[in-house]
């Protein structure tokens, strides 16, 4: 598939061995979908483990809200210090005017992050399969490391909109090396707020850079204020088990989920440790939890 007007989509290759055509399409479009990459059983096991972690979470301990349309989380220490922890972030609409949850906590969460892949054995196994390691190798990583993981809940009715953005804004290396690996754990459709991409948009400049300022608070600097060509966006509808791979500069977004169906997904971000990871990046780790690859 050479038309970058659409999102290239293939059946998952045996052993993660991306073909030359797949690699060429990824280079052209900045995004690639691989159907049936993860088994239904593996997706169900990760969802079950996430449910157990949520069960142990006490929302009374925190009221951290995550939003990409309102940058309320940027100066929230609970968020800033989550790079080497497992923490929970609520949907804006989950909280009433008195600061209390409107519904059960499992239907109130935006996401969980950002180090499940290193701190939880079930997430570790899902994140470090030989097949995914092979995909990462074929894309061209020399010294890969999983820098963060996110479990996205996109709950029914209140799943928040995600504004168009580039992940290299937040996960920045010199030279840029960030690649996202997004797994659909449930069917993702336009109805429940599937991901949407601008194919070929990774060739645009990096438009923003997010980093820790001198006072330790997060700053978002605009590098290019030209508008996104959102008329070129395409939905990445994905059955459960699909892996969507996308370049760190690939512009992507998702609409709010107003449907009765959740849209659980799991995302990993990988960087090449041969590149410089700036100390001012928001996501930092304690010394006793160094970044790891796929071994």
C-alpha atoms as a PDB file:
ATOM      1  CA  UNK A   1       0.000   0.000   0.000  1.00  0.00           C
ATOM      2  CA  UNK A   2       1.765   3.147  -1.222  1.00  0.00           C
ATOM      3  CA  UNK A   3      -1.051   5.715  -0.903  1.00  0.00           C
ATOM      4  CA  UNK A   4      -0.300   7.799   2.175  1.00  0.00           C
ATOM      5  CA  UNK A   5      -3.835   9.262   1.967  1.00  0.00           C
ATOM      6  CA  UNK A   6      -4.859   6.208   3.989  1.00  0.00           C
ATOM      7  CA  UNK A   7      -3.380   4.392   6.975  1.00  0.00           C
ATOM      8  CA  UNK A   8      -1.374   1.353   5.786  1.00  0.00           C
ATOM      9  CA  UNK A   9      -2.840  -1.828   7.264  1.00  0.00           C
ATOM     10  CA  UNK A  10      -1.630  -5.431   7.122  1.00  0.00           C
ATOM     11  CA  UNK A  11      -2.106  -8.764   8.837  1.00  0.00           C
ATOM     12  CA  UNK A  12       0.558  -9.137  11.510  1.00  0.00           C
ATOM     13  CA  UNK A  13       3.722 -10.697  10.047  1.00  0.00           C
ATOM     14  CA  UNK A  14       5.023 -13.970  11.427  1.00  0.00           C
ATOM     15  CA  UNK A  15       7.486 -13.391  14.247  1.00  0.00           C
ATOM     16  CA  UNK A  16       7.232  -9.619  13.888  1.00  0.00           C
ATOM     17  CA  UNK A  17       9.322  -9.714  10.724  1.00  0.00           C
ATOM     18  CA  UNK A  18       8.117  -6.581   8.954  1.00  0.00           C
ATOM     19  CA  UNK A  19       8.328  -6.860   5.175  1.00  0.00           C
ATOM     20  CA  UNK A  20      10.022  -4.322   2.926  1.00  0.00           C
ATOM     21  CA  UNK A  21       6.573  -3.066   1.848  1.00  0.00           C
ATOM     22  CA  UNK A  22       5.509  -2.585   5.476  1.00  0.00           C
ATOM     23  CA  UNK A  23       8.682  -0.680   6.268  1.00  0.00           C
ATOM     24  CA  UNK A  24       8.301   1.486   3.161  1.00  0.00           C
ATOM     25  CA  UNK A  25       4.693   2.302   4.071  1.00  0.00           C
ATOM     26  CA  UNK A  26       5.678   3.155   7.631  1.00  0.00           C
ATOM     27  CA  UNK A  27       8.388   5.478   6.327  1.00  0.00           C
ATOM     28  CA  UNK A  28       5.944   7.166   3.931  1.00  0.00           C
ATOM     29  CA  UNK A  29       2.886   7.447   6.187  1.00  0.00           C
ATOM     30  CA  UNK A  30       4.486   7.583   9.635  1.00  0.00           C
ATOM     31  CA  UNK A  31       1.899   5.061  10.844  1.00  0.00           C
ATOM     32  CA  UNK A  32       1.319   1.347  10.296  1.00  0.00           C
ATOM     33  CA  UNK A  33      -1.476  -0.948  11.539  1.00  0.00           C
ATOM     34  CA  UNK A  34      -0.884  -4.678  12.072  1.00  0.00           C
ATOM     35  CA  UNK A  35      -4.049  -6.705  12.637  1.00  0.00           C
ATOM     36  CA  UNK A  36      -4.054  -9.667  15.062  1.00  0.00           C
ATOM     37  CA  UNK A  37      -0.617  -8.817  16.429  1.00  0.00           C
ATOM     38  CA  UNK A  38      -1.700  -9.662  19.992  1.00  0.00           C
ATOM     39  CA  UNK A  39      -3.992 -12.577  20.776  1.00  0.00           C
ATOM     40  CA  UNK A  40      -7.445 -12.064  22.253  1.00  0.00           C
ATOM     41  CA  UNK A  41      -6.282 -14.030  25.309  1.00  0.00           C
ATOM     42  CA  UNK A  42      -3.294 -11.717  25.798  1.00  0.00           C
ATOM     43  CA  UNK A  43      -5.524  -8.637  25.494  1.00  0.00           C
ATOM     44  CA  UNK A  44      -8.019 -10.088  27.980  1.00  0.00           C
ATOM     45  CA  UNK A  45      -5.233 -10.927  30.441  1.00  0.00           C
ATOM     46  CA  UNK A  46      -3.930  -7.352  30.332  1.00  0.00           C
ATOM     47  CA  UNK A  47      -7.427  -5.954  30.827  1.00  0.00           C
ATOM     48  CA  UNK A  48      -7.955  -8.278  33.797  1.00  0.00           C
ATOM     49  CA  UNK A  49      -4.663  -7.179  35.358  1.00  0.00           C
ATOM     50  CA  UNK A  50      -5.542  -3.524  34.839  1.00  0.00           C
ATOM     51  CA  UNK A  51      -8.865  -4.144  36.569  1.00  0.00           C
ATOM     52  CA  UNK A  52      -7.011  -5.616  39.568  1.00  0.00           C
ATOM     53  CA  UNK A  53      -4.755  -2.572  39.795  1.00  0.00           C
ATOM     54  CA  UNK A  54      -7.772  -0.271  39.581  1.00  0.00           C
ATOM     55  CA  UNK A  55      -9.471  -2.289  42.317  1.00  0.00           C
ATOM     56  CA  UNK A  56      -6.571  -1.471  44.648  1.00  0.00           C
ATOM     57  CA  UNK A  57      -6.585   2.230  43.705  1.00  0.00           C
ATOM     58  CA  UNK A  58      -8.210   4.599  46.204  1.00  0.00           C
ATOM     59  CA  UNK A  59      -9.490   7.690  44.372  1.00  0.00           C
ATOM     60  CA  UNK A  60      -9.756   9.508  47.697  1.00  0.00           C
ATOM     61  CA  UNK A  61      -5.957   9.725  47.673  1.00  0.00           C
ATOM     62  CA  UNK A  62      -5.799  11.822  44.517  1.00  0.00           C
ATOM     63  CA  UNK A  63      -7.931  13.948  42.239  1.00  0.00           C
ATOM     64  CA  UNK A  64      -5.478  14.217  39.340  1.00  0.00           C
ATOM     65  CA  UNK A  65      -7.271  14.889  36.072  1.00  0.00           C
ATOM     66  CA  UNK A  66      -5.614  14.239  32.721  1.00  0.00           C
ATOM     67  CA  UNK A  67      -6.567  16.326  29.711  1.00  0.00           C
ATOM     68  CA  UNK A  68      -4.836  17.244  26.467  1.00  0.00           C
ATOM     69  CA  UNK A  69      -7.343  20.002  25.736  1.00  0.00           C
ATOM     70  CA  UNK A  70      -6.766  21.773  29.061  1.00  0.00           C
ATOM     71  CA  UNK A  71      -3.215  21.564  30.375  1.00  0.00           C
ATOM     72  CA  UNK A  72      -4.319  21.245  33.999  1.00  0.00           C
ATOM     73  CA  UNK A  73      -1.969  18.337  34.642  1.00  0.00           C
ATOM     74  CA  UNK A  74       1.205  20.137  33.649  1.00  0.00           C
ATOM     75  CA  UNK A  75       1.948  21.556  37.093  1.00  0.00           C
ATOM     76  CA  UNK A  76       0.583  18.581  39.008  1.00  0.00           C
ATOM     77  CA  UNK A  77       3.370  16.851  40.947  1.00  0.00           C
ATOM     78  CA  UNK A  78       1.387  13.606  40.982  1.00  0.00           C
ATOM     79  CA  UNK A  79       1.677  13.583  37.185  1.00  0.00           C
ATOM     80  CA  UNK A  80       5.226  14.937  36.915  1.00  0.00           C
ATOM     81  CA  UNK A  81       6.586  12.301  39.306  1.00  0.00           C
ATOM     82  CA  UNK A  82       4.818   9.335  37.638  1.00  0.00           C
ATOM     83  CA  UNK A  83       7.586   8.359  35.198  1.00  0.00           C
ATOM     84  CA  UNK A  84       8.795   5.543  37.440  1.00  0.00           C
ATOM     85  CA  UNK A  85       5.493   4.686  39.125  1.00  0.00           C
ATOM     86  CA  UNK A  86       2.009   3.313  38.493  1.00  0.00           C
ATOM     87  CA  UNK A  87      -0.460   6.140  38.923  1.00  0.00           C
ATOM     88  CA  UNK A  88      -4.063   6.830  37.967  1.00  0.00           C
ATOM     89  CA  UNK A  89      -5.584   9.841  36.204  1.00  0.00           C
ATOM     90  CA  UNK A  90      -9.274  10.678  36.164  1.00  0.00           C
ATOM     91  CA  UNK A  91     -11.464  11.975  33.368  1.00  0.00           C
ATOM     92  CA  UNK A  92     -12.519  15.594  33.783  1.00  0.00           C
ATOM     93  CA  UNK A  93     -16.209  14.716  33.506  1.00  0.00           C
ATOM     94  CA  UNK A  94     -15.891  11.995  36.164  1.00  0.00           C
ATOM     95  CA  UNK A  95     -15.812  14.579  38.960  1.00  0.00           C
ATOM     96  CA  UNK A  96     -18.802  16.604  40.133  1.00  0.00           C
ATOM     97  CA  UNK A  97     -18.817  20.186  41.404  1.00  0.00           C
ATOM     98  CA  UNK A  98     -18.001  18.937  44.903  1.00  0.00           C
ATOM     99  CA  UNK A  99     -14.935  17.017  43.764  1.00  0.00           C
ATOM    100  CA  UNK A 100     -16.566  13.603  44.083  1.00  0.00           C
ATOM    101  CA  UNK A 101     -16.819  10.844  41.505  1.00  0.00           C
ATOM    102  CA  UNK A 102     -20.077  10.732  39.594  1.00  0.00           C
ATOM    103  CA  UNK A 103     -19.809   6.980  39.011  1.00  0.00           C
ATOM    104  CA  UNK A 104     -17.738   3.920  39.845  1.00  0.00           C
ATOM    105  CA  UNK A 105     -13.979   4.473  39.759  1.00  0.00           C
ATOM    106  CA  UNK A 106     -13.445   1.861  37.013  1.00  0.00           C
ATOM    107  CA  UNK A 107     -15.650   3.999  34.718  1.00  0.00           C
ATOM    108  CA  UNK A 108     -14.004   7.279  35.757  1.00  0.00           C
ATOM    109  CA  UNK A 109     -10.397   6.812  34.696  1.00  0.00           C
ATOM    110  CA  UNK A 110      -8.649   8.398  31.734  1.00  0.00           C
ATOM    111  CA  UNK A 111      -5.408   6.449  32.016  1.00  0.00           C
ATOM    112  CA  UNK A 112      -2.871   4.625  34.151  1.00  0.00           C
ATOM    113  CA  UNK A 113       0.851   5.324  33.772  1.00  0.00           C
ATOM    114  CA  UNK A 114       3.738   5.395  33.304  1.00  0.00           C
ATOM    115  CA  UNK A 115       5.928   2.432  34.316  1.00  0.00           C
ATOM    116  CA  UNK A 116       3.679  -0.648  34.409  1.00  0.00           C
ATOM    117  CA  UNK A 117       6.000  -2.334  31.907  1.00  0.00           C
ATOM    118  CA  UNK A 118       8.803  -2.339  34.493  1.00  0.00           C
ATOM    119  CA  UNK A 119       6.859  -2.588  37.754  1.00  0.00           C
ATOM    120  CA  UNK A 120       4.174  -5.193  37.032  1.00  0.00           C
ATOM    121  CA  UNK A 121       4.969  -8.729  35.774  1.00  0.00           C
ATOM    122  CA  UNK A 122       1.826  -9.077  33.621  1.00  0.00           C
ATOM    123  CA  UNK A 123       2.472  -5.784  31.849  1.00  0.00           C
ATOM    124  CA  UNK A 124       6.152  -6.695  31.546  1.00  0.00           C
ATOM    125  CA  UNK A 125       5.315  -9.935  29.710  1.00  0.00           C
ATOM    126  CA  UNK A 126       2.887  -8.212  27.342  1.00  0.00           C
ATOM    127  CA  UNK A 127       5.401  -5.439  26.619  1.00  0.00           C
ATOM    128  CA  UNK A 128       8.433  -7.609  25.923  1.00  0.00           C
ATOM    129  CA  UNK A 129       7.465 -10.315  23.456  1.00  0.00           C
ATOM    130  CA  UNK A 130       9.955 -11.619  20.895  1.00  0.00           C
ATOM    131  CA  UNK A 131       7.586 -10.460  18.141  1.00  0.00           C
ATOM    132  CA  UNK A 132       7.560  -6.862  19.355  1.00  0.00           C
ATOM    133  CA  UNK A 133      11.322  -6.926  19.852  1.00  0.00           C
ATOM    134  CA  UNK A 134      11.685  -7.997  16.221  1.00  0.00           C
ATOM    135  CA  UNK A 135       9.409  -5.191  15.003  1.00  0.00           C
ATOM    136  CA  UNK A 136      11.480  -2.654  16.949  1.00  0.00           C
ATOM    137  CA  UNK A 137      14.682  -4.066  15.476  1.00  0.00           C
ATOM    138  CA  UNK A 138      13.359  -3.948  11.907  1.00  0.00           C
ATOM    139  CA  UNK A 139      12.229  -0.350  12.286  1.00  0.00           C
ATOM    140  CA  UNK A 140      15.875   0.467  12.897  1.00  0.00           C
ATOM    141  CA  UNK A 141      16.410   0.823  16.629  1.00  0.00           C
ATOM    142  CA  UNK A 142      19.984   0.060  17.702  1.00  0.00           C
ATOM    143  CA  UNK A 143      19.699   0.324  21.492  1.00  0.00           C
ATOM    144  CA  UNK A 144      15.946   0.425  22.200  1.00  0.00           C
ATOM    145  CA  UNK A 145      14.454   1.208  25.586  1.00  0.00           C
ATOM    146  CA  UNK A 146      10.817   1.358  26.664  1.00  0.00           C
ATOM    147  CA  UNK A 147      10.564   4.795  28.226  1.00  0.00           C
ATOM    148  CA  UNK A 148       6.905   4.742  29.257  1.00  0.00           C
ATOM    149  CA  UNK A 149       3.676   2.749  29.221  1.00  0.00           C
ATOM    150  CA  UNK A 150       0.100   3.971  29.380  1.00  0.00           C
ATOM    151  CA  UNK A 151      -3.145   2.071  29.838  1.00  0.00           C
ATOM    152  CA  UNK A 152      -5.915   4.129  28.224  1.00  0.00           C
ATOM    153  CA  UNK A 153      -9.462   3.507  29.478  1.00  0.00           C
ATOM    154  CA  UNK A 154     -11.534   5.853  27.238  1.00  0.00           C
ATOM    155  CA  UNK A 155     -14.619   5.070  29.362  1.00  0.00           C
ATOM    156  CA  UNK A 156     -18.135   5.063  27.917  1.00  0.00           C
ATOM    157  CA  UNK A 157     -19.923   8.386  27.863  1.00  0.00           C
ATOM    158  CA  UNK A 158     -17.112  10.512  29.327  1.00  0.00           C
ATOM    159  CA  UNK A 159     -13.941   9.379  27.543  1.00  0.00           C
ATOM    160  CA  UNK A 160     -12.177  12.662  26.864  1.00  0.00           C
ATOM    161  CA  UNK A 161     -11.119  14.162  23.562  1.00  0.00           C
ATOM    162  CA  UNK A 162      -7.398  14.005  22.768  1.00  0.00           C
ATOM    163  CA  UNK A 163      -6.285  17.059  20.810  1.00  0.00           C
ATOM    164  CA  UNK A 164      -4.019  16.691  17.786  1.00  0.00           C
ATOM    165  CA  UNK A 165      -0.410  16.397  18.920  1.00  0.00           C
ATOM    166  CA  UNK A 166       2.983  14.751  18.300  1.00  0.00           C
ATOM    167  CA  UNK A 167       4.426  12.458  20.951  1.00  0.00           C
ATOM    168  CA  UNK A 168       7.953  13.755  20.390  1.00  0.00           C
ATOM    169  CA  UNK A 169       6.686  16.963  21.995  1.00  0.00           C
ATOM    170  CA  UNK A 170       6.801  15.089  25.316  1.00  0.00           C
ATOM    171  CA  UNK A 171       9.262  12.255  24.654  1.00  0.00           C
ATOM    172  CA  UNK A 172      12.101  14.128  23.032  1.00  0.00           C
ATOM    173  CA  UNK A 173      15.544  12.867  22.127  1.00  0.00           C
ATOM    174  CA  UNK A 174      18.391  14.319  20.068  1.00  0.00           C
ATOM    175  CA  UNK A 175      18.102  13.227  17.346  1.00  0.00           C
ATOM    176  CA  UNK A 176      14.413  12.365  17.644  1.00  0.00           C
ATOM    177  CA  UNK A 177      13.819   8.633  18.048  1.00  0.00           C
ATOM    178  CA  UNK A 178      10.448   8.198  19.775  1.00  0.00           C
ATOM    179  CA  UNK A 179       8.069   5.622  18.290  1.00  0.00           C
ATOM    180  CA  UNK A 180       4.680   4.691  19.738  1.00  0.00           C
ATOM    181  CA  UNK A 181       3.276   1.158  19.873  1.00  0.00           C
ATOM    182  CA  UNK A 182      -0.479   1.257  20.518  1.00  0.00           C
ATOM    183  CA  UNK A 183      -2.421  -1.949  21.156  1.00  0.00           C
ATOM    184  CA  UNK A 184      -6.204  -2.110  20.812  1.00  0.00           C
ATOM    185  CA  UNK A 185      -7.373  -4.210  23.761  1.00  0.00           C
ATOM    186  CA  UNK A 186     -10.998  -3.736  22.703  1.00  0.00           C
ATOM    187  CA  UNK A 187     -12.439  -2.894  19.299  1.00  0.00           C
ATOM    188  CA  UNK A 188     -11.676   0.749  18.518  1.00  0.00           C
ATOM    189  CA  UNK A 189     -14.207   2.443  16.219  1.00  0.00           C
ATOM    190  CA  UNK A 190     -15.245   5.946  15.283  1.00  0.00           C
ATOM    191  CA  UNK A 191     -18.210   5.440  17.600  1.00  0.00           C
ATOM    192  CA  UNK A 192     -16.071   4.957  20.722  1.00  0.00           C
ATOM    193  CA  UNK A 193     -13.279   7.388  19.853  1.00  0.00           C
ATOM    194  CA  UNK A 194     -10.660   5.503  17.853  1.00  0.00           C
ATOM    195  CA  UNK A 195      -7.281   7.043  17.127  1.00  0.00           C
ATOM    196  CA  UNK A 196      -7.014   9.267  14.057  1.00  0.00           C
ATOM    197  CA  UNK A 197      -3.842  10.150  12.167  1.00  0.00           C
ATOM    198  CA  UNK A 198      -2.708  12.525   9.451  1.00  0.00           C
ATOM    199  CA  UNK A 199      -0.787  10.112   7.173  1.00  0.00           C
ATOM    200  CA  UNK A 200       2.480  11.670   6.065  1.00  0.00           C
ATOM    201  CA  UNK A 201       2.174  14.338   8.771  1.00  0.00           C
ATOM    202  CA  UNK A 202       5.350  13.093  10.448  1.00  0.00           C
ATOM    203  CA  UNK A 203       7.227  14.984   7.749  1.00  0.00           C
ATOM    204  CA  UNK A 204       5.968  18.266   9.229  1.00  0.00           C
ATOM    205  CA  UNK A 205       8.118  20.141  11.762  1.00  0.00           C
ATOM    206  CA  UNK A 206       7.935  19.377  15.468  1.00  0.00           C
ATOM    207  CA  UNK A 207       5.363  21.968  16.509  1.00  0.00           C
ATOM    208  CA  UNK A 208       5.778  22.015  20.284  1.00  0.00           C
ATOM    209  CA  UNK A 209       8.290  21.024  22.939  1.00  0.00           C
ATOM    210  CA  UNK A 210       7.313  20.210  26.523  1.00  0.00           C
ATOM    211  CA  UNK A 211       9.965  20.285  29.252  1.00  0.00           C
ATOM    212  CA  UNK A 212      10.692  21.114  32.890  1.00  0.00           C
ATOM    213  CA  UNK A 213      11.375  24.779  33.419  1.00  0.00           C
ATOM    214  CA  UNK A 214      13.837  26.303  35.874  1.00  0.00           C
ATOM    215  CA  UNK A 215      11.274  26.088  38.694  1.00  0.00           C
ATOM    216  CA  UNK A 216      10.594  22.401  38.029  1.00  0.00           C
ATOM    217  CA  UNK A 217       7.160  23.096  36.547  1.00  0.00           C
ATOM    218  CA  UNK A 218       6.321  21.975  33.042  1.00  0.00           C
ATOM    219  CA  UNK A 219       6.479  24.387  30.133  1.00  0.00           C
ATOM    220  CA  UNK A 220       5.125  23.891  26.612  1.00  0.00           C
ATOM    221  CA  UNK A 221       7.009  25.941  24.029  1.00  0.00           C
ATOM    222  CA  UNK A 222       5.512  26.541  20.586  1.00  0.00           C
ATOM    223  CA  UNK A 223       8.055  25.943  17.819  1.00  0.00           C
ATOM    224  CA  UNK A 224       5.709  26.174  14.816  1.00  0.00           C
ATOM    225  CA  UNK A 225       2.229  27.672  15.068  1.00  0.00           C
ATOM    226  CA  UNK A 226       0.952  26.669  11.641  1.00  0.00           C
ATOM    227  CA  UNK A 227      -2.365  24.764  11.810  1.00  0.00           C
ATOM    228  CA  UNK A 228      -2.633  21.017  11.411  1.00  0.00           C
ATOM    229  CA  UNK A 229      -4.013  19.861   8.033  1.00  0.00           C
ATOM    230  CA  UNK A 230      -6.840  18.101   9.858  1.00  0.00           C
ATOM    231  CA  UNK A 231      -8.791  17.717   6.630  1.00  0.00           C
ATOM    232  CA  UNK A 232      -6.295  14.931   5.871  1.00  0.00           C
ATOM    233  CA  UNK A 233      -6.943  12.979   9.075  1.00  0.00           C
ATOM    234  CA  UNK A 234      -7.961   9.343   8.757  1.00  0.00           C
ATOM    235  CA  UNK A 235      -9.472   7.031  11.387  1.00  0.00           C
ATOM    236  CA  UNK A 236      -7.435   4.086  12.624  1.00  0.00           C
ATOM    237  CA  UNK A 237     -10.359   1.799  13.393  1.00  0.00           C
ATOM    238  CA  UNK A 238      -8.794  -1.283  14.957  1.00  0.00           C
ATOM    239  CA  UNK A 239     -10.190  -4.633  16.080  1.00  0.00           C
ATOM    240  CA  UNK A 240      -8.914  -5.907  19.427  1.00  0.00           C
ATOM    241  CA  UNK A 241      -5.395  -7.285  19.043  1.00  0.00           C
ATOM    242  CA  UNK A 242      -4.319  -4.711  16.445  1.00  0.00           C
ATOM    243  CA  UNK A 243      -0.961  -2.985  16.900  1.00  0.00           C
ATOM    244  CA  UNK A 244      -0.655   0.551  15.544  1.00  0.00           C
ATOM    245  CA  UNK A 245       2.929   1.782  15.191  1.00  0.00           C
ATOM    246  CA  UNK A 246       3.506   5.505  14.747  1.00  0.00           C
ATOM    247  CA  UNK A 247       6.431   7.883  14.421  1.00  0.00           C
ATOM    248  CA  UNK A 248       6.997  10.335  17.273  1.00  0.00           C
ATOM    249  CA  UNK A 249       6.210  13.205  14.911  1.00  0.00           C
ATOM    250  CA  UNK A 250       3.028  11.601  13.523  1.00  0.00           C
ATOM    251  CA  UNK A 251       0.096  13.948  14.297  1.00  0.00           C
ATOM    252  CA  UNK A 252      -2.746  12.062  15.965  1.00  0.00           C
ATOM    253  CA  UNK A 253      -5.897  12.695  17.945  1.00  0.00           C
ATOM    254  CA  UNK A 254      -9.108  11.054  19.089  1.00  0.00           C
ATOM    255  CA  UNK A 255     -12.641  12.292  19.613  1.00  0.00           C
ATOM    256  CA  UNK A 256     -14.529  12.025  22.882  1.00  0.00           C
ATOM    257  CA  UNK A 257     -16.222   8.692  23.580  1.00  0.00           C
ATOM    258  CA  UNK A 258     -19.937   9.393  23.937  1.00  0.00           C
ATOM    259  CA  UNK A 259     -20.913   5.802  23.190  1.00  0.00           C
ATOM    260  CA  UNK A 260     -21.911   3.053  25.617  1.00  0.00           C
ATOM    261  CA  UNK A 261     -18.721   1.095  24.866  1.00  0.00           C
ATOM    262  CA  UNK A 262     -15.296   1.574  26.427  1.00  0.00           C
ATOM    263  CA  UNK A 263     -12.146   1.670  24.274  1.00  0.00           C
ATOM    264  CA  UNK A 264      -9.335   0.173  26.316  1.00  0.00           C
ATOM    265  CA  UNK A 265      -5.864   0.393  24.785  1.00  0.00           C
ATOM    266  CA  UNK A 266      -2.248   0.021  25.855  1.00  0.00           C
ATOM    267  CA  UNK A 267       0.594   2.194  24.573  1.00  0.00           C
ATOM    268  CA  UNK A 268       4.366   1.849  24.797  1.00  0.00           C
ATOM    269  CA  UNK A 269       6.854   4.507  23.764  1.00  0.00           C
ATOM    270  CA  UNK A 270      10.307   3.398  22.707  1.00  0.00           C
ATOM    271  CA  UNK A 271      13.418   5.524  22.289  1.00  0.00           C
ATOM    272  CA  UNK A 272      16.935   4.711  21.106  1.00  0.00           C
ATOM    273  CA  UNK A 273      19.426   5.069  23.942  1.00  0.00           C
ATOM    274  CA  UNK A 274      22.109   5.995  21.423  1.00  0.00           C
ATOM    275  CA  UNK A 275      20.298   9.340  21.265  1.00  0.00           C
ATOM    276  CA  UNK A 276      20.558  11.991  23.978  1.00  0.00           C
ATOM    277  CA  UNK A 277      17.654  12.061  26.442  1.00  0.00           C
ATOM    278  CA  UNK A 278      17.593  15.600  27.889  1.00  0.00           C
ATOM    279  CA  UNK A 279      17.515  16.042  31.660  1.00  0.00           C
ATOM    280  CA  UNK A 280      14.741  18.629  31.247  1.00  0.00           C
ATOM    281  CA  UNK A 281      12.312  16.085  29.747  1.00  0.00           C
ATOM    282  CA  UNK A 282       9.283  15.750  32.021  1.00  0.00           C
ATOM    283  CA  UNK A 283       9.574  11.966  32.283  1.00  0.00           C
ATOM    284  CA  UNK A 284      12.512  11.049  34.467  1.00  0.00           C
ATOM    285  CA  UNK A 285      13.454   7.932  36.439  1.00  0.00           C
ATOM    286  CA  UNK A 286      15.047   7.189  39.763  1.00  0.00           C
ATOM    287  CA  UNK A 287      18.512   5.639  39.542  1.00  0.00           C
ATOM    288  CA  UNK A 288      17.415   2.210  40.777  1.00  0.00           C
ATOM    289  CA  UNK A 289      14.927   1.789  37.904  1.00  0.00           C
ATOM    290  CA  UNK A 290      16.968   2.291  34.734  1.00  0.00           C
ATOM    291  CA  UNK A 291      15.436   2.089  31.286  1.00  0.00           C
ATOM    292  CA  UNK A 292      15.308  -1.391  29.750  1.00  0.00           C
ATOM    293  CA  UNK A 293      14.881  -2.741  26.257  1.00  0.00           C
ATOM    294  CA  UNK A 294      13.277  -6.027  25.298  1.00  0.00           C
ATOM    295  CA  UNK A 295      15.493  -8.549  27.086  1.00  0.00           C
END
